[in-house]
Amino acid sequence: MSKIQVHTLGDSTLDNCYWLLNGSNAATVKDDTVEGLLAKKLGSDYELVSHAYDGFTTTSVLEGGDVGRVLSINPHQNHSTRARAYLDNRKINPLSERFFAHPLNDLKAAVAKDPESIHYVVISVGGNDFRERLLNPIALLTDIGQIQERYLRIIKEVKDLKSKNRR
């Protein structure tokens, strides 16, 4: 039997590597990240698979988004040591034309690749939806329903993985 897979899906609550770097390389701080601590707690019978990206919203989890956008890490620029370490940790080539990721599709592909394994999904997303609207109180209030609707779509997509991959 293969390892039980625990997938993280969402934002910097799970992908907090960038905030721990402070001049270090990603390998030295990886164990102290949320995902590193979770992997350590779970033990060797579990494999942690990350689909979480700092700054991602309910929209970017559903439709994909540019990794590093909220951190001002963009293609075609000189990257700081910290930015390069973050990209390296996320397995993103700093010379890529675009730093795009589609977390929900990546999760679906990972589960479909190993349908016989047990898969758990840890979700933390939504905070950036509100952070992006903090300077616009009207949007903050009027968009709550849409944010909730997208969050519920994420939950439904994750729940549907169970039935789609059952034999």
Protein backbone atom coordinates (compact mmCIF):
# COMPACT_ATOMS: atom_id res chain seq x y z
CA MET A 1 0.00 0.00 0.00
CA SER A 2 1.31 3.44 -0.87
CA LYS A 3 1.54 6.26 1.61
CA ILE A 4 -1.55 8.15 2.67
CA GLN A 5 -1.48 11.51 0.91
CA VAL A 6 -2.35 14.74 2.69
CA HIS A 7 -2.88 17.60 0.25
CA THR A 8 -2.82 21.25 1.28
CA LEU A 9 -4.96 23.62 -0.78
CA GLY A 10 -5.17 27.36 -0.34
CA ASP A 11 -3.09 30.31 0.77
CA SER A 12 -0.25 31.46 3.06
CA THR A 13 -1.89 29.96 6.12
CA LEU A 14 -0.50 26.73 4.64
CA ASP A 15 2.27 28.10 2.38
CA ASN A 16 4.17 30.34 4.80
CA CYS A 17 7.70 29.55 3.58
CA TYR A 18 8.31 33.05 2.18
CA TRP A 19 7.68 34.63 5.58
CA LEU A 20 10.22 32.38 7.32
CA LEU A 21 13.06 32.79 4.83
CA ASN A 22 14.75 35.99 6.11
CA GLY A 23 17.98 35.34 4.23
CA SER A 24 17.88 31.56 4.66
CA ASN A 25 17.43 29.11 1.87
CA ALA A 26 14.21 27.15 1.61
CA ALA A 27 15.80 23.87 2.70
CA THR A 28 16.77 25.29 6.10
CA VAL A 29 13.31 26.64 6.93
CA LYS A 30 11.16 23.96 5.28
CA ASP A 31 10.80 21.97 8.51
CA ASP A 32 9.51 25.08 10.32
CA THR A 33 6.79 25.90 7.78
CA VAL A 34 3.18 24.92 8.43
CA GLU A 35 3.51 22.17 5.83
CA GLY A 36 6.84 21.01 7.29
CA LEU A 37 5.43 20.85 10.82
CA LEU A 38 2.35 19.02 9.55
CA ALA A 39 4.50 16.48 7.68
CA LYS A 40 6.64 15.94 10.78
CA LYS A 41 3.56 15.46 12.97
CA LEU A 42 1.99 13.00 10.52
CA GLY A 43 5.08 10.82 10.27
CA SER A 44 6.51 8.58 7.61
CA ASP A 45 3.26 6.80 6.68
CA TYR A 46 2.01 10.05 5.15
CA GLU A 47 3.11 12.08 2.15
CA LEU A 48 2.37 15.81 2.20
CA VAL A 49 1.53 17.26 -1.22
CA SER A 50 1.29 21.04 -1.43
CA HIS A 51 -1.21 22.85 -3.62
CA ALA A 52 -1.16 26.02 -1.49
CA TYR A 53 0.31 29.36 -2.60
CA ASP A 54 0.83 32.57 -0.69
CA GLY A 55 -1.73 35.18 -1.74
CA PHE A 56 -4.15 32.82 -3.42
CA THR A 57 -7.87 33.54 -3.21
CA THR A 58 -10.95 31.43 -3.79
CA THR A 59 -10.81 32.54 -7.44
CA SER A 60 -7.15 31.56 -7.91
CA VAL A 61 -7.74 28.17 -6.29
CA LEU A 62 -10.67 27.54 -8.67
CA GLU A 63 -9.25 29.10 -11.85
CA GLY A 64 -5.52 29.28 -11.25
CA GLY A 65 -3.38 32.31 -10.61
CA ASP A 66 0.07 33.83 -10.70
CA VAL A 67 2.32 32.53 -7.93
CA GLY A 68 4.20 35.32 -6.19
CA ARG A 69 1.92 38.12 -7.41
CA VAL A 70 1.05 39.26 -3.90
CA LEU A 71 4.75 39.05 -2.95
CA SER A 72 5.77 41.14 -5.99
CA ILE A 73 7.68 38.18 -7.43
CA ASN A 74 7.18 38.37 -11.15
CA PRO A 75 8.83 36.85 -14.21
CA HIS A 76 11.38 38.93 -16.12
CA GLN A 77 12.81 40.69 -13.09
CA ASN A 78 15.86 40.30 -10.91
CA HIS A 79 14.78 38.20 -7.97
CA SER A 80 16.03 38.73 -4.46
CA THR A 81 17.62 35.81 -2.64
CA ARG A 82 14.39 35.41 -0.69
CA ALA A 83 12.26 35.41 -3.86
CA ARG A 84 14.54 32.85 -5.55
CA ALA A 85 14.37 30.63 -2.47
CA TYR A 86 10.57 30.86 -2.45
CA LEU A 87 10.35 29.98 -6.16
CA ASP A 88 12.77 27.11 -5.62
CA ASN A 89 10.68 25.82 -2.71
CA ARG A 90 7.58 25.93 -4.92
CA LYS A 91 9.54 24.16 -7.73
CA ILE A 92 9.05 27.11 -10.07
CA ASN A 93 11.77 27.95 -12.58
CA PRO A 94 12.64 31.65 -12.06
CA LEU A 95 13.25 31.93 -15.83
CA SER A 96 9.68 30.85 -16.69
CA GLU A 97 7.54 33.15 -18.79
CA ARG A 98 4.78 32.97 -16.18
CA PHE A 99 4.57 31.72 -12.61
CA PHE A 100 1.09 30.22 -13.00
CA ALA A 101 -0.44 27.46 -10.89
CA HIS A 102 -3.89 25.90 -10.88
CA PRO A 103 -4.17 24.31 -7.41
CA LEU A 104 -7.53 22.59 -7.87
CA ASN A 105 -6.52 21.03 -11.19
CA ASP A 106 -3.19 19.97 -9.67
CA LEU A 107 -5.05 18.33 -6.76
CA LYS A 108 -7.38 16.53 -9.17
CA ALA A 109 -4.41 15.27 -11.22
CA ALA A 110 -2.59 14.05 -8.10
CA VAL A 111 -5.63 12.11 -6.89
CA ALA A 112 -6.33 10.67 -10.35
CA LYS A 113 -2.69 9.56 -10.62
CA ASP A 114 -3.01 7.45 -7.47
CA PRO A 115 -6.73 6.69 -7.00
CA GLU A 116 -6.13 3.65 -4.79
CA SER A 117 -4.39 5.70 -2.09
CA ILE A 118 -6.14 7.46 0.73
CA HIS A 119 -6.23 11.22 0.16
CA TYR A 120 -6.96 13.88 2.76
CA VAL A 121 -7.28 17.55 1.84
CA VAL A 122 -6.52 20.42 4.22
CA ILE A 123 -8.09 23.65 2.97
CA SER A 124 -7.39 27.21 4.04
CA VAL A 125 -8.55 29.87 1.63
CA GLY A 126 -10.66 33.01 1.73
CA GLY A 127 -8.62 35.38 3.85
CA ASN A 128 -6.98 36.98 0.82
CA ASP A 129 -10.38 37.57 -0.75
CA PHE A 130 -11.10 39.87 2.19
CA ARG A 131 -7.56 41.31 2.40
CA GLU A 132 -7.87 42.48 -1.21
CA ARG A 133 -11.05 44.40 -0.32
CA LEU A 134 -9.94 46.00 2.95
CA LEU A 135 -9.62 49.47 1.41
CA ASN A 136 -13.09 49.22 -0.11
CA PRO A 137 -15.63 48.57 2.67
CA ILE A 138 -18.56 48.45 0.25
CA ALA A 139 -16.89 45.70 -1.82
CA LEU A 140 -15.95 43.95 1.39
CA LEU A 141 -19.63 43.68 2.31
CA THR A 142 -21.15 43.17 -1.11
CA ASP A 143 -18.73 40.44 -2.21
CA ILE A 144 -19.21 38.16 0.80
CA GLY A 145 -21.87 36.10 -0.98
CA GLN A 146 -19.66 35.55 -4.05
CA ILE A 147 -16.68 34.59 -1.88
CA GLN A 148 -18.83 32.11 0.02
CA GLU A 149 -20.18 30.70 -3.24
CA ARG A 150 -16.64 30.15 -4.58
CA TYR A 151 -15.56 28.57 -1.28
CA LEU A 152 -18.50 26.15 -1.42
CA ARG A 153 -17.58 25.32 -5.05
CA ILE A 154 -14.06 24.42 -3.87
CA ILE A 155 -15.51 22.17 -1.17
CA LYS A 156 -17.84 20.52 -3.69
CA GLU A 157 -15.00 19.93 -6.17
CA VAL A 158 -12.89 18.33 -3.43
CA LYS A 159 -15.79 16.19 -2.19
CA ASP A 160 -16.54 15.09 -5.77
CA LEU A 161 -13.01 13.70 -6.10
CA LYS A 162 -14.01 10.84 -3.84
CA SER A 163 -16.80 9.62 -6.12
CA LYS A 164 -14.92 10.30 -9.39
CA ASN A 165 -11.95 8.21 -8.34
CA ARG A 166 -13.84 5.32 -6.75
CA ARG A 167 -13.73 2.09 -8.75
